Amino acid sequence: MLHAHITSWVLAIILFIIAFSLNKQGKQHGFKTVQRILRVFYLFIIITGAQLLFSINVNFTYIMKAVFGIVVIGFFEMILSRAVKKQPTGVFWGLLVVAFAIVVYLGYTLPMRAF
């Protein structure tokens, strides 16, 4: 399950970058298609992450990683929706970087006992 989770979020990052660049280029049909696919990957990330979370002895740190992971997904959506409306996204990019750094840090420092 760990490999499915990692694959899902790597593909989600790639799709996010593609969607953002399609929006910048003004290709709205391609953007909407990629955004729909990206939302399916959000579901994969959440489902596999929940399975991983419930397969271990959960403590506060694991729950914080899950919460920040959902926050990262939220910032992905906020950036894309604000970019479509041509509103500024700078603050959300900064918050996305901080939240993503926390998730990656927690992901690499938490013990991988049950996996």
PDB file of N, CA and C in Angstrom:
ATOM      1  N   MET A   1       0.819  -1.195   0.000  1.00  0.00           N
ATOM      2  CA  MET A   1       0.000   0.000   0.000  1.00  0.00           C
ATOM      3  C   MET A   1       0.864   1.260   0.000  1.00  0.00           C
ATOM      4  N   LEU A   2       2.026   1.168   0.595  1.00  0.00           N
ATOM      5  CA  LEU A   2       2.915   2.328   0.640  1.00  0.00           C
ATOM      6  C   LEU A   2       3.313   2.768  -0.756  1.00  0.00           C
ATOM      7  N   HIS A   3       3.600   1.805  -1.633  1.00  0.00           N
ATOM      8  CA  HIS A   3       4.007   2.155  -2.990  1.00  0.00           C
ATOM      9  C   HIS A   3       2.862   2.818  -3.760  1.00  0.00           C
ATOM     10  N   ALA A   4       1.654   2.347  -3.556  1.00  0.00           N
ATOM     11  CA  ALA A   4       0.498   2.965  -4.209  1.00  0.00           C
ATOM     12  C   ALA A   4       0.305   4.394  -3.724  1.00  0.00           C
ATOM     13  N   HIS A   5       0.534   4.625  -2.436  1.00  0.00           N
ATOM     14  CA  HIS A   5       0.391   5.965  -1.871  1.00  0.00           C
ATOM     15  C   HIS A   5       1.442   6.910  -2.453  1.00  0.00           C
ATOM     16  N   ILE A   6       2.682   6.469  -2.473  1.00  0.00           N
ATOM     17  CA  ILE A   6       3.757   7.318  -3.002  1.00  0.00           C
ATOM     18  C   ILE A   6       3.548   7.586  -4.484  1.00  0.00           C
ATOM     19  N   THR A   7       3.185   6.568  -5.230  1.00  0.00           N
ATOM     20  CA  THR A   7       2.926   6.745  -6.662  1.00  0.00           C
ATOM     21  C   THR A   7       1.792   7.736  -6.889  1.00  0.00           C
ATOM     22  N   SER A   8       0.756   7.658  -6.080  1.00  0.00           N
ATOM     23  CA  SER A   8      -0.389   8.563  -6.219  1.00  0.00           C
ATOM     24  C   SER A   8       0.014  10.005  -5.996  1.00  0.00           C
ATOM     25  N   TRP A   9       0.800  10.265  -4.944  1.00  0.00           N
ATOM     26  CA  TRP A   9       1.130  11.677  -4.715  1.00  0.00           C
ATOM     27  C   TRP A   9       2.184  12.189  -5.680  1.00  0.00           C
ATOM     28  N   VAL A  10       3.063  11.333  -6.176  1.00  0.00           N
ATOM     29  CA  VAL A  10       4.014  11.786  -7.201  1.00  0.00           C
ATOM     30  C   VAL A  10       3.258  12.153  -8.479  1.00  0.00           C
ATOM     31  N   LEU A  11       2.327  11.297  -8.887  1.00  0.00           N
ATOM     32  CA  LEU A  11       1.532  11.604 -10.077  1.00  0.00           C
ATOM     33  C   LEU A  11       0.651  12.837  -9.860  1.00  0.00           C
ATOM     34  N   ALA A  12       0.153  13.030  -8.653  1.00  0.00           N
ATOM     35  CA  ALA A  12      -0.659  14.210  -8.358  1.00  0.00           C
ATOM     36  C   ALA A  12       0.176  15.488  -8.481  1.00  0.00           C
ATOM     37  N   ILE A  13       1.412  15.452  -8.035  1.00  0.00           N
ATOM     38  CA  ILE A  13       2.280  16.626  -8.168  1.00  0.00           C
ATOM     39  C   ILE A  13       2.527  16.932  -9.638  1.00  0.00           C
ATOM     40  N   ILE A  14       2.796  15.894 -10.425  1.00  0.00           N
ATOM     41  CA  ILE A  14       3.028  16.086 -11.854  1.00  0.00           C
ATOM     42  C   ILE A  14       1.770  16.638 -12.527  1.00  0.00           C
ATOM     43  N   LEU A  15       0.611  16.077 -12.210  1.00  0.00           N
ATOM     44  CA  LEU A  15      -0.640  16.561 -12.787  1.00  0.00           C
ATOM     45  C   LEU A  15      -0.958  17.986 -12.354  1.00  0.00           C
ATOM     46  N   PHE A  16      -0.621  18.324 -11.119  1.00  0.00           N
ATOM     47  CA  PHE A  16      -0.826  19.697 -10.644  1.00  0.00           C
ATOM     48  C   PHE A  16       0.001  20.676 -11.467  1.00  0.00           C
ATOM     49  N   ILE A  17       1.253  20.337 -11.714  1.00  0.00           N
ATOM     50  CA  ILE A  17       2.125  21.212 -12.502  1.00  0.00           C
ATOM     51  C   ILE A  17       1.598  21.334 -13.934  1.00  0.00           C
ATOM     52  N   ILE A  18       1.155  20.220 -14.507  1.00  0.00           N
ATOM     53  CA  ILE A  18       0.600  20.252 -15.862  1.00  0.00           C
ATOM     54  C   ILE A  18      -0.661  21.106 -15.905  1.00  0.00           C
ATOM     55  N   ALA A  19      -1.555  20.929 -14.927  1.00  0.00           N
ATOM     56  CA  ALA A  19      -2.791  21.707 -14.896  1.00  0.00           C
ATOM     57  C   ALA A  19      -2.491  23.197 -14.754  1.00  0.00           C
ATOM     58  N   PHE A  20      -1.560  23.525 -13.887  1.00  0.00           N
ATOM     59  CA  PHE A  20      -1.225  24.936 -13.686  1.00  0.00           C
ATOM     60  C   PHE A  20      -0.654  25.533 -14.970  1.00  0.00           C
ATOM     61  N   SER A  21       0.210  24.795 -15.653  1.00  0.00           N
ATOM     62  CA  SER A  21       0.799  25.332 -16.884  1.00  0.00           C
ATOM     63  C   SER A  21      -0.237  25.418 -18.007  1.00  0.00           C
ATOM     64  N   LEU A  22      -1.165  24.454 -18.081  1.00  0.00           N
ATOM     65  CA  LEU A  22      -2.232  24.549 -19.086  1.00  0.00           C
ATOM     66  C   LEU A  22      -3.109  25.769 -18.845  1.00  0.00           C
ATOM     67  N   ASN A  23      -3.380  26.066 -17.591  1.00  0.00           N
ATOM     68  CA  ASN A  23      -4.167  27.257 -17.276  1.00  0.00           C
ATOM     69  C   ASN A  23      -3.416  28.523 -17.677  1.00  0.00           C
ATOM     70  N   LYS A  24      -2.119  28.555 -17.417  1.00  0.00           N
ATOM     71  CA  LYS A  24      -1.310  29.718 -17.788  1.00  0.00           C
ATOM     72  C   LYS A  24      -1.317  29.935 -19.302  1.00  0.00           C
ATOM     73  N   GLN A  25      -1.342  28.825 -20.068  1.00  0.00           N
ATOM     74  CA  GLN A  25      -1.342  28.911 -21.520  1.00  0.00           C
ATOM     75  C   GLN A  25      -2.726  29.201 -22.086  1.00  0.00           C
ATOM     76  N   GLY A  26      -3.740  29.189 -21.251  1.00  0.00           N
ATOM     77  CA  GLY A  26      -5.095  29.495 -21.693  1.00  0.00           C
ATOM     78  C   GLY A  26      -5.819  28.319 -22.320  1.00  0.00           C
ATOM     79  N   LYS A  27      -5.333  27.124 -22.126  1.00  0.00           N
ATOM     80  CA  LYS A  27      -5.963  25.930 -22.685  1.00  0.00           C
ATOM     81  C   LYS A  27      -6.934  25.357 -21.657  1.00  0.00           C
ATOM     82  N   GLN A  28      -8.130  25.940 -21.622  1.00  0.00           N
ATOM     83  CA  GLN A  28      -9.090  25.592 -20.572  1.00  0.00           C
ATOM     84  C   GLN A  28      -9.650  24.185 -20.704  1.00  0.00           C
ATOM     85  N   HIS A  29      -9.833  23.702 -21.931  1.00  0.00           N
ATOM     86  CA  HIS A  29     -10.361  22.339 -22.089  1.00  0.00           C
ATOM     87  C   HIS A  29      -9.370  21.319 -21.529  1.00  0.00           C
ATOM     88  N   GLY A  30      -8.097  21.459 -21.873  1.00  0.00           N
ATOM     89  CA  GLY A  30      -7.073  20.561 -21.340  1.00  0.00           C
ATOM     90  C   GLY A  30      -6.924  20.703 -19.842  1.00  0.00           C
ATOM     91  N   PHE A  31      -7.025  21.941 -19.359  1.00  0.00           N
ATOM     92  CA  PHE A  31      -6.930  22.187 -17.922  1.00  0.00           C
ATOM     93  C   PHE A  31      -8.022  21.464 -17.164  1.00  0.00           C
ATOM     94  N   LYS A  32      -9.262  21.583 -17.639  1.00  0.00           N
ATOM     95  CA  LYS A  32     -10.390  20.949 -16.941  1.00  0.00           C
ATOM     96  C   LYS A  32     -10.253  19.429 -16.934  1.00  0.00           C
ATOM     97  N   THR A  33      -9.766  18.865 -18.033  1.00  0.00           N
ATOM     98  CA  THR A  33      -9.569  17.417 -18.090  1.00  0.00           C
ATOM     99  C   THR A  33      -8.509  16.966 -17.088  1.00  0.00           C
ATOM    100  N   VAL A  34      -7.390  17.659 -17.069  1.00  0.00           N
ATOM    101  CA  VAL A  34      -6.311  17.302 -16.144  1.00  0.00           C
ATOM    102  C   VAL A  34      -6.753  17.529 -14.703  1.00  0.00           C
ATOM    103  N   GLN A  35      -7.522  18.577 -14.462  1.00  0.00           N
ATOM    104  CA  GLN A  35      -7.993  18.844 -13.099  1.00  0.00           C
ATOM    105  C   GLN A  35      -8.923  17.733 -12.607  1.00  0.00           C
ATOM    106  N   ARG A  36      -9.756  17.207 -13.500  1.00  0.00           N
ATOM    107  CA  ARG A  36     -10.644  16.097 -13.108  1.00  0.00           C
ATOM    108  C   ARG A  36      -9.829  14.857 -12.758  1.00  0.00           C
ATOM    109  N   ILE A  37      -8.826  14.574 -13.579  1.00  0.00           N
ATOM    110  CA  ILE A  37      -7.963  13.419 -13.299  1.00  0.00           C
ATOM    111  C   ILE A  37      -7.217  13.632 -11.982  1.00  0.00           C
ATOM    112  N   LEU A  38      -6.764  14.865 -11.755  1.00  0.00           N
ATOM    113  CA  LEU A  38      -6.059  15.191 -10.518  1.00  0.00           C
ATOM    114  C   LEU A  38      -6.945  14.956  -9.303  1.00  0.00           C
ATOM    115  N   ARG A  39      -8.218  15.284  -9.419  1.00  0.00           N
ATOM    116  CA  ARG A  39      -9.133  15.071  -8.292  1.00  0.00           C
ATOM    117  C   ARG A  39      -9.323  13.588  -7.986  1.00  0.00           C
ATOM    118  N   VAL A  40      -9.262  12.743  -9.008  1.00  0.00           N
ATOM    119  CA  VAL A  40      -9.317  11.302  -8.776  1.00  0.00           C
ATOM    120  C   VAL A  40      -8.076  10.870  -8.000  1.00  0.00           C
ATOM    121  N   PHE A  41      -6.928  11.438  -8.343  1.00  0.00           N
ATOM    122  CA  PHE A  41      -5.711  11.096  -7.618  1.00  0.00           C
ATOM    123  C   PHE A  41      -5.752  11.609  -6.184  1.00  0.00           C
ATOM    124  N   TYR A  42      -6.441  12.719  -5.931  1.00  0.00           N
ATOM    125  CA  TYR A  42      -6.627  13.159  -4.545  1.00  0.00           C
ATOM    126  C   TYR A  42      -7.332  12.062  -3.752  1.00  0.00           C
ATOM    127  N   LEU A  43      -8.351  11.464  -4.362  1.00  0.00           N
ATOM    128  CA  LEU A  43      -9.074  10.382  -3.684  1.00  0.00           C
ATOM    129  C   LEU A  43      -8.160   9.192  -3.434  1.00  0.00           C
ATOM    130  N   PHE A  44      -7.339   8.818  -4.428  1.00  0.00           N
ATOM    131  CA  PHE A  44      -6.385   7.729  -4.238  1.00  0.00           C
ATOM    132  C   PHE A  44      -5.443   8.033  -3.079  1.00  0.00           C
ATOM    133  N   ILE A  45      -4.955   9.268  -3.028  1.00  0.00           N
ATOM    134  CA  ILE A  45      -4.027   9.655  -1.960  1.00  0.00           C
ATOM    135  C   ILE A  45      -4.705   9.525  -0.600  1.00  0.00           C
ATOM    136  N   ILE A  46      -5.912  10.026  -0.487  1.00  0.00           N
ATOM    137  CA  ILE A  46      -6.616   9.994   0.792  1.00  0.00           C
ATOM    138  C   ILE A  46      -6.945   8.558   1.200  1.00  0.00           C
ATOM    139  N   ILE A  47      -7.401   7.744   0.255  1.00  0.00           N
ATOM    140  CA  ILE A  47      -7.770   6.361   0.576  1.00  0.00           C
ATOM    141  C   ILE A  47      -6.536   5.554   0.985  1.00  0.00           C
ATOM    142  N   THR A  48      -5.457   5.629   0.197  1.00  0.00           N
ATOM    143  CA  THR A  48      -4.256   4.860   0.552  1.00  0.00           C
ATOM    144  C   THR A  48      -3.615   5.393   1.820  1.00  0.00           C
ATOM    145  N   GLY A  49      -3.661   6.705   2.015  1.00  0.00           N
ATOM    146  CA  GLY A  49      -3.128   7.283   3.251  1.00  0.00           C
ATOM    147  C   GLY A  49      -3.913   6.838   4.469  1.00  0.00           C
ATOM    148  N   ALA A  50      -5.227   6.778   4.344  1.00  0.00           N
ATOM    149  CA  ALA A  50      -6.056   6.307   5.468  1.00  0.00           C
ATOM    150  C   ALA A  50      -5.770   4.839   5.766  1.00  0.00           C
ATOM    151  N   GLN A  51      -5.589   4.036   4.724  1.00  0.00           N
ATOM    152  CA  GLN A  51      -5.264   2.630   4.947  1.00  0.00           C
ATOM    153  C   GLN A  51      -3.922   2.484   5.650  1.00  0.00           C
ATOM    154  N   LEU A  52      -2.957   3.289   5.247  1.00  0.00           N
ATOM    155  CA  LEU A  52      -1.658   3.250   5.920  1.00  0.00           C
ATOM    156  C   LEU A  52      -1.776   3.715   7.364  1.00  0.00           C
ATOM    157  N   LEU A  53      -2.550   4.765   7.579  1.00  0.00           N
ATOM    158  CA  LEU A  53      -2.706   5.315   8.922  1.00  0.00           C
ATOM    159  C   LEU A  53      -3.360   4.314   9.864  1.00  0.00           C
ATOM    160  N   PHE A  54      -4.365   3.600   9.390  1.00  0.00           N
ATOM    161  CA  PHE A  54      -5.074   2.669  10.254  1.00  0.00           C
ATOM    162  C   PHE A  54      -4.402   1.300  10.355  1.00  0.00           C
ATOM    163  N   SER A  55      -3.321   1.104   9.591  1.00  0.00           N
ATOM    164  CA  SER A  55      -2.613  -0.173   9.678  1.00  0.00           C
ATOM    165  C   SER A  55      -1.484  -0.150  10.703  1.00  0.00           C
ATOM    166  N   ILE A  56      -1.318   0.973  11.399  1.00  0.00           N
ATOM    167  CA  ILE A  56      -0.240   1.105  12.383  1.00  0.00           C
ATOM    168  C   ILE A  56      -0.834   1.531  13.720  1.00  0.00           C
ATOM    169  N   ASN A  57       0.006   1.542  14.732  1.00  0.00           N
ATOM    170  CA  ASN A  57      -0.393   2.116  16.015  1.00  0.00           C
ATOM    171  C   ASN A  57      -0.314   3.630  15.883  1.00  0.00           C
ATOM    172  N   VAL A  58      -1.447   4.263  15.793  1.00  0.00           N
ATOM    173  CA  VAL A  58      -1.518   5.687  15.498  1.00  0.00           C
ATOM    174  C   VAL A  58      -1.115   6.507  16.715  1.00  0.00           C
ATOM    175  N   ASN A  59      -0.266   7.494  16.489  1.00  0.00           N
ATOM    176  CA  ASN A  59       0.036   8.472  17.531  1.00  0.00           C
ATOM    177  C   ASN A  59      -0.163   9.870  16.951  1.00  0.00           C
ATOM    178  N   PHE A  60       0.089  10.879  17.743  1.00  0.00           N
ATOM    179  CA  PHE A  60      -0.185  12.267  17.347  1.00  0.00           C
ATOM    180  C   PHE A  60       0.593  12.682  16.105  1.00  0.00           C
ATOM    181  N   THR A  61       1.820  12.242  15.968  1.00  0.00           N
ATOM    182  CA  THR A  61       2.651  12.648  14.849  1.00  0.00           C
ATOM    183  C   THR A  61       2.099  12.122  13.526  1.00  0.00           C
ATOM    184  N   TYR A  62       1.633  10.892  13.512  1.00  0.00           N
ATOM    185  CA  TYR A  62       1.043  10.327  12.296  1.00  0.00           C
ATOM    186  C   TYR A  62      -0.228  11.082  11.906  1.00  0.00           C
ATOM    187  N   ILE A  63      -1.006  11.451  12.915  1.00  0.00           N
ATOM    188  CA  ILE A  63      -2.228  12.205  12.637  1.00  0.00           C
ATOM    189  C   ILE A  63      -1.884  13.580  12.083  1.00  0.00           C
ATOM    190  N   MET A  64      -0.838  14.218  12.617  1.00  0.00           N
ATOM    191  CA  MET A  64      -0.412  15.523  12.101  1.00  0.00           C
ATOM    192  C   MET A  64       0.046  15.418  10.647  1.00  0.00           C
ATOM    193  N   LYS A  65       0.736  14.343  10.306  1.00  0.00           N
ATOM    194  CA  LYS A  65       1.159  14.146   8.919  1.00  0.00           C
ATOM    195  C   LYS A  65      -0.061  14.008   8.021  1.00  0.00           C
ATOM    196  N   ALA A  66      -1.062  13.277   8.463  1.00  0.00           N
ATOM    197  CA  ALA A  66      -2.288  13.112   7.681  1.00  0.00           C
ATOM    198  C   ALA A  66      -3.003  14.454   7.498  1.00  0.00           C
ATOM    199  N   VAL A  67      -3.079  15.228   8.563  1.00  0.00           N
ATOM    200  CA  VAL A  67      -3.744  16.532   8.486  1.00  0.00           C
ATOM    201  C   VAL A  67      -2.997  17.448   7.524  1.00  0.00           C
ATOM    202  N   PHE A  68      -1.675  17.512   7.641  1.00  0.00           N
ATOM    203  CA  PHE A  68      -0.911  18.361   6.728  1.00  0.00           C
ATOM    204  C   PHE A  68      -0.982  17.848   5.297  1.00  0.00           C
ATOM    205  N   GLY A  69      -1.111  16.551   5.108  1.00  0.00           N
ATOM    206  CA  GLY A  69      -1.292  16.001   3.767  1.00  0.00           C
ATOM    207  C   GLY A  69      -2.593  16.477   3.143  1.00  0.00           C
ATOM    208  N   ILE A  70      -3.650  16.498   3.925  1.00  0.00           N
ATOM    209  CA  ILE A  70      -4.936  17.006   3.430  1.00  0.00           C
ATOM    210  C   ILE A  70      -4.855  18.504   3.185  1.00  0.00           C
ATOM    211  N   VAL A  71      -4.100  19.216   4.003  1.00  0.00           N
ATOM    212  CA  VAL A  71      -3.898  20.656   3.795  1.00  0.00           C
ATOM    213  C   VAL A  71      -3.178  20.902   2.468  1.00  0.00           C
ATOM    214  N   VAL A  72      -2.199  20.073   2.145  1.00  0.00           N
ATOM    215  CA  VAL A  72      -1.487  20.208   0.866  1.00  0.00           C
ATOM    216  C   VAL A  72      -2.467  20.038  -0.288  1.00  0.00           C
ATOM    217  N   ILE A  73      -3.332  19.049  -0.214  1.00  0.00           N
ATOM    218  CA  ILE A  73      -4.335  18.848  -1.257  1.00  0.00           C
ATOM    219  C   ILE A  73      -5.247  20.077  -1.353  1.00  0.00           C
ATOM    220  N   GLY A  74      -5.608  20.633  -0.217  1.00  0.00           N
ATOM    221  CA  GLY A  74      -6.431  21.843  -0.208  1.00  0.00           C
ATOM    222  C   GLY A  74      -5.737  23.016  -0.873  1.00  0.00           C
ATOM    223  N   PHE A  75      -4.449  23.175  -0.627  1.00  0.00           N
ATOM    224  CA  PHE A  75      -3.708  24.272  -1.270  1.00  0.00           C
ATOM    225  C   PHE A  75      -3.575  24.042  -2.772  1.00  0.00           C
ATOM    226  N   PHE A  76      -3.425  22.780  -3.193  1.00  0.00           N
ATOM    227  CA  PHE A  76      -3.434  22.485  -4.633  1.00  0.00           C
ATOM    228  C   PHE A  76      -4.722  23.017  -5.258  1.00  0.00           C
ATOM    229  N   GLU A  77      -5.845  22.702  -4.643  1.00  0.00           N
ATOM    230  CA  GLU A  77      -7.135  23.124  -5.178  1.00  0.00           C
ATOM    231  C   GLU A  77      -7.301  24.644  -5.121  1.00  0.00           C
ATOM    232  N   MET A  78      -6.866  25.260  -4.027  1.00  0.00           N
ATOM    233  CA  MET A  78      -6.997  26.712  -3.920  1.00  0.00           C
ATOM    234  C   MET A  78      -6.159  27.426  -4.971  1.00  0.00           C
ATOM    235  N   ILE A  79      -4.947  26.949  -5.207  1.00  0.00           N
ATOM    236  CA  ILE A  79      -4.085  27.574  -6.201  1.00  0.00           C
ATOM    237  C   ILE A  79      -4.704  27.447  -7.583  1.00  0.00           C
ATOM    238  N   LEU A  80      -5.189  26.260  -7.915  1.00  0.00           N
ATOM    239  CA  LEU A  80      -5.781  26.078  -9.241  1.00  0.00           C
ATOM    240  C   LEU A  80      -7.056  26.900  -9.413  1.00  0.00           C
ATOM    241  N   SER A  81      -7.905  26.936  -8.404  1.00  0.00           N
ATOM    242  CA  SER A  81      -9.156  27.691  -8.538  1.00  0.00           C
ATOM    243  C   SER A  81      -8.893  29.194  -8.608  1.00  0.00           C
ATOM    244  N   ARG A  82      -7.941  29.680  -7.844  1.00  0.00           N
ATOM    245  CA  ARG A  82      -7.621  31.108  -7.907  1.00  0.00           C
ATOM    246  C   ARG A  82      -6.913  31.462  -9.208  1.00  0.00           C
ATOM    247  N   ALA A  83      -6.122  30.539  -9.744  1.00  0.00           N
ATOM    248  CA  ALA A  83      -5.448  30.797 -11.017  1.00  0.00           C
ATOM    249  C   ALA A  83      -6.467  30.899 -12.150  1.00  0.00           C
ATOM    250  N   VAL A  84      -7.518  30.090 -12.109  1.00  0.00           N
ATOM    251  CA  VAL A  84      -8.557  30.156 -13.136  1.00  0.00           C
ATOM    252  C   VAL A  84      -9.260  31.509 -13.083  1.00  0.00           C
ATOM    253  N   LYS A  85      -9.482  32.017 -11.875  1.00  0.00           N
ATOM    254  CA  LYS A  85     -10.166  33.299 -11.700  1.00  0.00           C
ATOM    255  C   LYS A  85      -9.227  34.488 -11.861  1.00  0.00           C
ATOM    256  N   LYS A  86      -7.961  34.212 -12.164  1.00  0.00           N
ATOM    257  CA  LYS A  86      -6.932  35.254 -12.348  1.00  0.00           C
ATOM    258  C   LYS A  86      -6.731  36.087 -11.079  1.00  0.00           C
ATOM    259  N   GLN A  87      -6.836  35.428  -9.921  1.00  0.00           N
ATOM    260  CA  GLN A  87      -6.582  36.080  -8.649  1.00  0.00           C
ATOM    261  C   GLN A  87      -5.167  35.734  -8.194  1.00  0.00           C
ATOM    262  N   PRO A  88      -4.563  36.556  -7.327  1.00  0.00           N
ATOM    263  CA  PRO A  88      -3.196  36.278  -6.880  1.00  0.00           C
ATOM    264  C   PRO A  88      -3.098  34.971  -6.084  1.00  0.00           C
ATOM    265  N   THR A  89      -2.009  34.226  -6.323  1.00  0.00           N
ATOM    266  CA  THR A  89      -1.819  32.935  -5.668  1.00  0.00           C
ATOM    267  C   THR A  89      -0.531  32.874  -4.850  1.00  0.00           C
ATOM    268  N   GLY A  90       0.178  33.968  -4.728  1.00  0.00           N
ATOM    269  CA  GLY A  90       1.482  33.966  -4.075  1.00  0.00           C
ATOM    270  C   GLY A  90       1.470  33.449  -2.651  1.00  0.00           C
ATOM    271  N   VAL A  91       0.502  33.877  -1.853  1.00  0.00           N
ATOM    272  CA  VAL A  91       0.425  33.444  -0.454  1.00  0.00           C
ATOM    273  C   VAL A  91       0.178  31.943  -0.381  1.00  0.00           C
ATOM    274  N   PHE A  92      -0.691  31.458  -1.250  1.00  0.00           N
ATOM    275  CA  PHE A  92      -1.004  30.032  -1.242  1.00  0.00           C
ATOM    276  C   PHE A  92       0.184  29.183  -1.693  1.00  0.00           C
ATOM    277  N   TRP A  93       0.987  29.708  -2.620  1.00  0.00           N
ATOM    278  CA  TRP A  93       2.205  28.984  -3.007  1.00  0.00           C
ATOM    279  C   TRP A  93       3.148  28.869  -1.815  1.00  0.00           C
ATOM    280  N   GLY A  94       3.294  29.954  -1.058  1.00  0.00           N
ATOM    281  CA  GLY A  94       4.158  29.918   0.122  1.00  0.00           C
ATOM    282  C   GLY A  94       3.660  28.931   1.162  1.00  0.00           C
ATOM    283  N   LEU A  95       2.351  28.956   1.421  1.00  0.00           N
ATOM    284  CA  LEU A  95       1.775  28.023   2.392  1.00  0.00           C
ATOM    285  C   LEU A  95       1.868  26.584   1.894  1.00  0.00           C
ATOM    286  N   LEU A  96       1.719  26.387   0.583  1.00  0.00           N
ATOM    287  CA  LEU A  96       1.862  25.045   0.020  1.00  0.00           C
ATOM    288  C   LEU A  96       3.270  24.513   0.237  1.00  0.00           C
ATOM    289  N   VAL A  97       4.266  25.335   0.003  1.00  0.00           N
ATOM    290  CA  VAL A  97       5.656  24.906   0.188  1.00  0.00           C
ATOM    291  C   VAL A  97       5.915  24.535   1.643  1.00  0.00           C
ATOM    292  N   VAL A  98       5.418  25.348   2.571  1.00  0.00           N
ATOM    293  CA  VAL A  98       5.613  25.065   3.995  1.00  0.00           C
ATOM    294  C   VAL A  98       4.910  23.768   4.397  1.00  0.00           C
ATOM    295  N   ALA A  99       3.654  23.621   3.996  1.00  0.00           N
ATOM    296  CA  ALA A  99       2.905  22.411   4.351  1.00  0.00           C
ATOM    297  C   ALA A  99       3.526  21.173   3.712  1.00  0.00           C
ATOM    298  N   PHE A 100       3.957  21.281   2.462  1.00  0.00           N
ATOM    299  CA  PHE A 100       4.573  20.142   1.784  1.00  0.00           C
ATOM    300  C   PHE A 100       5.893  19.767   2.452  1.00  0.00           C
ATOM    301  N   ALA A 101       6.660  20.775   2.869  1.00  0.00           N
ATOM    302  CA  ALA A 101       7.923  20.492   3.558  1.00  0.00           C
ATOM    303  C   ALA A 101       7.668  19.759   4.876  1.00  0.00           C
ATOM    304  N   ILE A 102       6.631  20.151   5.594  1.00  0.00           N
ATOM    305  CA  ILE A 102       6.291  19.476   6.849  1.00  0.00           C
ATOM    306  C   ILE A 102       5.894  18.032   6.587  1.00  0.00           C
ATOM    307  N   VAL A 103       5.081  17.795   5.548  1.00  0.00           N
ATOM    308  CA  VAL A 103       4.645  16.433   5.227  1.00  0.00           C
ATOM    309  C   VAL A 103       5.838  15.566   4.849  1.00  0.00           C
ATOM    310  N   VAL A 104       6.726  16.095   4.018  1.00  0.00           N
ATOM    311  CA  VAL A 104       7.898  15.316   3.606  1.00  0.00           C
ATOM    312  C   VAL A 104       8.808  15.045   4.798  1.00  0.00           C
ATOM    313  N   TYR A 105       9.021  16.052   5.635  1.00  0.00           N
ATOM    314  CA  TYR A 105       9.859  15.858   6.823  1.00  0.00           C
ATOM    315  C   TYR A 105       9.278  14.782   7.728  1.00  0.00           C
ATOM    316  N   LEU A 106       7.980  14.873   8.013  1.00  0.00           N
ATOM    317  CA  LEU A 106       7.347  13.873   8.874  1.00  0.00           C
ATOM    318  C   LEU A 106       7.363  12.500   8.211  1.00  0.00           C
ATOM    319  N   GLY A 107       7.189  12.463   6.903  1.00  0.00           N
ATOM    320  CA  GLY A 107       7.206  11.190   6.197  1.00  0.00           C
ATOM    321  C   GLY A 107       8.545  10.482   6.262  1.00  0.00           C
ATOM    322  N   TYR A 108       9.620  11.253   6.235  1.00  0.00           N
ATOM    323  CA  TYR A 108      10.943  10.639   6.282  1.00  0.00           C
ATOM    324  C   TYR A 108      11.452  10.388   7.694  1.00  0.00           C
ATOM    325  N   THR A 109      10.877  11.052   8.692  1.00  0.00           N
ATOM    326  CA  THR A 109      11.377  10.866  10.064  1.00  0.00           C
ATOM    327  C   THR A 109      10.532   9.893  10.878  1.00  0.00           C
ATOM    328  N   LEU A 110       9.287   9.665  10.469  1.00  0.00           N
ATOM    329  CA  LEU A 110       8.455   8.726  11.222  1.00  0.00           C
ATOM    330  C   LEU A 110       8.942   7.302  10.994  1.00  0.00           C
ATOM    331  N   PRO A 111       8.909   6.493  12.018  1.00  0.00           N
ATOM    332  CA  PRO A 111       9.344   5.100  11.847  1.00  0.00           C
ATOM    333  C   PRO A 111       8.382   4.343  10.938  1.00  0.00           C
ATOM    334  N   MET A 112       8.922   3.447  10.157  1.00  0.00           N
ATOM    335  CA  MET A 112       8.119   2.680   9.191  1.00  0.00           C
ATOM    336  C   MET A 112       7.897   1.270   9.732  1.00  0.00           C
ATOM    337  N   ARG A 113       7.394   1.139  10.936  1.00  0.00           N
ATOM    338  CA  ARG A 113       7.248  -0.147  11.612  1.00  0.00           C
ATOM    339  C   ARG A 113       6.327  -1.105  10.867  1.00  0.00           C
ATOM    340  N   ALA A 114       5.167  -0.667  10.511  1.00  0.00           N
ATOM    341  CA  ALA A 114       4.154  -1.589   9.999  1.00  0.00           C
ATOM    342  C   ALA A 114       4.222  -1.782   8.494  1.00  0.00           C
ATOM    343  N   PHE A 115       5.095  -1.072   7.819  1.00  0.00           N
ATOM    344  CA  PHE A 115       5.093  -1.151   6.366  1.00  0.00           C
ATOM    345  C   PHE A 115       6.099  -2.158   5.932  1.00  0.00           C
TER     346      PHE A 115
END
